C-alpha cells in the first residue's frame, strides 16, 4: 500500500514542513484521484492504523480513496 499512497503522503508531509496545510493536500489527492487509482486501492488491504502522523494521514487518505 505504501507504493500507492506514498507519493501523496510525502507531499502532504513536505507541505506541512513548508508551513502549508497537509490536510488540504490529502483532500486534493482524494479529490483528484483517477478511478483506476481508487480501484487499485479497493483491491488492496486497508492501510494499517497507527498513532504516528504518517499512519494517521495514510488512514485518512486510504479511507477517502475507498469511499
N, C-alpha and C. Protein backbone atom coordinates (compact mmCIF):
# COMPACT_ATOMS: atom_id res chain seq x y z
N UNK A 1 0.81 -1.18 0.00
CA UNK A 1 0.00 0.00 0.00
C UNK A 1 0.87 1.26 0.00
N UNK A 2 2.05 1.17 0.55
CA UNK A 2 2.92 2.36 0.59
C UNK A 2 3.24 2.89 -0.79
N UNK A 3 3.36 2.01 -1.76
CA UNK A 3 3.70 2.47 -3.11
C UNK A 3 2.55 3.23 -3.74
N UNK A 4 1.34 2.92 -3.34
CA UNK A 4 0.16 3.59 -3.89
C UNK A 4 -0.09 4.91 -3.17
N UNK A 5 -0.02 4.90 -1.86
CA UNK A 5 -0.33 6.10 -1.08
C UNK A 5 0.88 6.98 -0.80
N UNK A 6 2.07 6.42 -0.90
CA UNK A 6 3.29 7.11 -0.50
C UNK A 6 3.51 8.48 -1.12
N UNK A 7 3.39 8.63 -2.43
CA UNK A 7 3.66 9.95 -3.01
C UNK A 7 2.76 11.05 -2.45
N UNK A 8 1.48 10.78 -2.30
CA UNK A 8 0.57 11.79 -1.76
C UNK A 8 0.88 12.07 -0.29
N UNK A 9 1.25 11.03 0.46
CA UNK A 9 1.59 11.23 1.87
C UNK A 9 2.87 12.06 2.01
N UNK A 10 3.86 11.77 1.19
CA UNK A 10 5.11 12.53 1.26
C UNK A 10 4.88 13.99 0.89
N UNK A 11 4.05 14.24 -0.11
CA UNK A 11 3.73 15.61 -0.48
C UNK A 11 3.03 16.33 0.66
N UNK A 12 2.10 15.67 1.32
CA UNK A 12 1.38 16.28 2.44
C UNK A 12 2.35 16.62 3.57
N UNK A 13 3.27 15.72 3.88
CA UNK A 13 4.24 15.97 4.94
C UNK A 13 5.21 17.09 4.56
N UNK A 14 5.63 17.12 3.30
CA UNK A 14 6.52 18.20 2.84
C UNK A 14 5.80 19.54 2.87
N UNK A 15 4.53 19.55 2.51
CA UNK A 15 3.74 20.77 2.56
C UNK A 15 3.66 21.29 3.99
N UNK A 16 3.47 20.37 4.93
CA UNK A 16 3.43 20.75 6.33
C UNK A 16 4.76 21.36 6.78
N UNK A 17 5.85 20.74 6.39
CA UNK A 17 7.17 21.27 6.76
C UNK A 17 7.41 22.66 6.18
N UNK A 18 6.82 22.93 5.03
CA UNK A 18 6.99 24.23 4.37
C UNK A 18 6.00 25.26 4.92
N UNK A 19 5.20 24.87 5.90
CA UNK A 19 4.26 25.81 6.50
C UNK A 19 2.87 25.77 5.91
N UNK A 20 2.60 24.82 5.04
CA UNK A 20 1.28 24.70 4.42
C UNK A 20 0.37 23.77 5.20
N UNK A 21 -0.76 23.50 4.63
CA UNK A 21 -1.78 22.66 5.28
C UNK A 21 -1.77 21.26 4.68
N UNK A 22 -1.30 20.30 5.46
CA UNK A 22 -1.21 18.92 4.97
C UNK A 22 -2.58 18.34 4.68
N UNK A 23 -3.59 18.75 5.45
CA UNK A 23 -4.94 18.23 5.23
C UNK A 23 -5.48 18.66 3.88
N UNK A 24 -5.14 19.88 3.46
CA UNK A 24 -5.56 20.33 2.12
C UNK A 24 -4.95 19.45 1.04
N UNK A 25 -3.69 19.03 1.23
CA UNK A 25 -3.03 18.16 0.26
C UNK A 25 -3.68 16.78 0.20
N UNK A 26 -4.06 16.26 1.36
CA UNK A 26 -4.73 14.96 1.40
C UNK A 26 -6.09 15.07 0.70
N UNK A 27 -6.83 16.13 0.99
CA UNK A 27 -8.13 16.34 0.34
C UNK A 27 -7.97 16.47 -1.17
N UNK A 28 -6.93 17.18 -1.61
CA UNK A 28 -6.69 17.34 -3.03
C UNK A 28 -6.37 16.00 -3.68
N UNK A 29 -5.53 15.20 -3.00
CA UNK A 29 -5.17 13.89 -3.54
C UNK A 29 -6.40 12.99 -3.68
N UNK A 30 -7.28 13.05 -2.71
CA UNK A 30 -8.51 12.25 -2.77
C UNK A 30 -9.40 12.76 -3.91
N UNK A 31 -9.55 14.05 -3.99
CA UNK A 31 -10.42 14.63 -5.00
C UNK A 31 -9.94 14.44 -6.43
N UNK A 32 -8.62 14.41 -6.62
CA UNK A 32 -8.06 14.30 -7.96
C UNK A 32 -7.69 12.87 -8.36
N UNK A 33 -7.92 11.92 -7.48
CA UNK A 33 -7.54 10.54 -7.78
C UNK A 33 -8.36 9.99 -8.94
N UNK A 34 -7.67 9.38 -9.86
CA UNK A 34 -8.32 8.76 -11.02
C UNK A 34 -9.10 7.52 -10.57
N UNK A 35 -10.15 7.18 -11.28
CA UNK A 35 -10.91 5.97 -10.93
C UNK A 35 -10.03 4.71 -10.87
N UNK A 36 -9.02 4.64 -11.71
CA UNK A 36 -8.13 3.46 -11.69
C UNK A 36 -7.37 3.38 -10.37
N UNK A 37 -6.97 4.52 -9.82
CA UNK A 37 -6.26 4.53 -8.53
C UNK A 37 -7.21 4.05 -7.44
N UNK A 38 -8.42 4.54 -7.45
CA UNK A 38 -9.40 4.12 -6.44
C UNK A 38 -9.67 2.62 -6.54
N UNK A 39 -9.73 2.11 -7.75
CA UNK A 39 -9.95 0.68 -7.96
C UNK A 39 -8.79 -0.14 -7.39
N UNK A 40 -7.57 0.30 -7.62
CA UNK A 40 -6.40 -0.41 -7.08
C UNK A 40 -6.44 -0.40 -5.56
N UNK A 41 -6.73 0.75 -4.97
CA UNK A 41 -6.77 0.86 -3.51
C UNK A 41 -7.82 -0.08 -2.94
N UNK A 42 -8.96 -0.17 -3.58
CA UNK A 42 -10.03 -1.05 -3.08
C UNK A 42 -9.66 -2.52 -3.15
N UNK A 43 -8.75 -2.87 -4.04
CA UNK A 43 -8.33 -4.28 -4.17
C UNK A 43 -7.28 -4.68 -3.13
N UNK A 44 -6.64 -3.71 -2.53
CA UNK A 44 -5.58 -3.97 -1.55
C UNK A 44 -6.14 -3.93 -0.13
N UNK A 45 -5.44 -4.57 0.81
CA UNK A 45 -5.89 -4.48 2.21
C UNK A 45 -5.80 -3.04 2.69
N UNK A 46 -6.65 -2.66 3.63
CA UNK A 46 -6.61 -1.29 4.16
C UNK A 46 -5.25 -0.97 4.78
N UNK A 47 -4.91 0.31 4.72
CA UNK A 47 -3.68 0.77 5.35
C UNK A 47 -3.79 0.52 6.85
N UNK A 48 -2.79 -0.09 7.49
CA UNK A 48 -2.90 -0.41 8.92
C UNK A 48 -2.98 0.87 9.76
N UNK A 49 -3.80 0.84 10.80
CA UNK A 49 -3.90 2.02 11.66
C UNK A 49 -2.62 2.21 12.46
N UNK A 50 -2.42 3.41 12.90
CA UNK A 50 -1.24 3.71 13.71
C UNK A 50 -1.40 5.06 14.38
N UNK A 51 -0.48 5.35 15.29
CA UNK A 51 -0.56 6.61 16.02
C UNK A 51 0.35 7.68 15.42
N UNK A 52 1.32 7.28 14.64
CA UNK A 52 2.24 8.26 14.06
C UNK A 52 1.49 9.14 13.05
N UNK A 53 2.00 10.32 12.84
CA UNK A 53 1.37 11.28 11.93
C UNK A 53 1.19 10.67 10.54
N UNK A 54 2.23 10.01 10.04
CA UNK A 54 2.15 9.41 8.70
C UNK A 54 1.08 8.33 8.65
N UNK A 55 0.97 7.55 9.69
CA UNK A 55 -0.05 6.49 9.73
C UNK A 55 -1.45 7.08 9.78
N UNK A 56 -1.64 8.14 10.54
CA UNK A 56 -2.97 8.77 10.60
C UNK A 56 -3.34 9.38 9.26
N UNK A 57 -2.38 10.05 8.62
CA UNK A 57 -2.64 10.62 7.30
C UNK A 57 -2.92 9.51 6.28
N UNK A 58 -2.15 8.43 6.37
CA UNK A 58 -2.35 7.30 5.46
C UNK A 58 -3.72 6.69 5.62
N UNK A 59 -4.18 6.57 6.84
CA UNK A 59 -5.51 6.04 7.10
C UNK A 59 -6.60 6.93 6.52
N UNK A 60 -6.39 8.23 6.67
CA UNK A 60 -7.37 9.19 6.12
C UNK A 60 -7.40 9.14 4.60
N UNK A 61 -6.22 9.09 3.99
CA UNK A 61 -6.13 9.00 2.54
C UNK A 61 -6.74 7.69 2.04
N UNK A 62 -6.39 6.61 2.69
CA UNK A 62 -6.91 5.29 2.32
C UNK A 62 -8.42 5.27 2.37
N UNK A 63 -8.98 5.74 3.48
CA UNK A 63 -10.43 5.75 3.64
C UNK A 63 -11.09 6.65 2.60
N UNK A 64 -10.48 7.78 2.33
CA UNK A 64 -11.04 8.69 1.33
C UNK A 64 -11.05 8.12 -0.07
N UNK A 65 -10.02 7.36 -0.40
CA UNK A 65 -9.96 6.75 -1.73
C UNK A 65 -10.91 5.56 -1.85
N UNK A 66 -11.17 4.91 -0.75
CA UNK A 66 -12.09 3.77 -0.77
C UNK A 66 -13.55 4.23 -0.79
N UNK A 67 -13.80 5.39 -0.18
CA UNK A 67 -15.16 5.86 -0.02
C UNK A 67 -15.73 6.42 -1.24
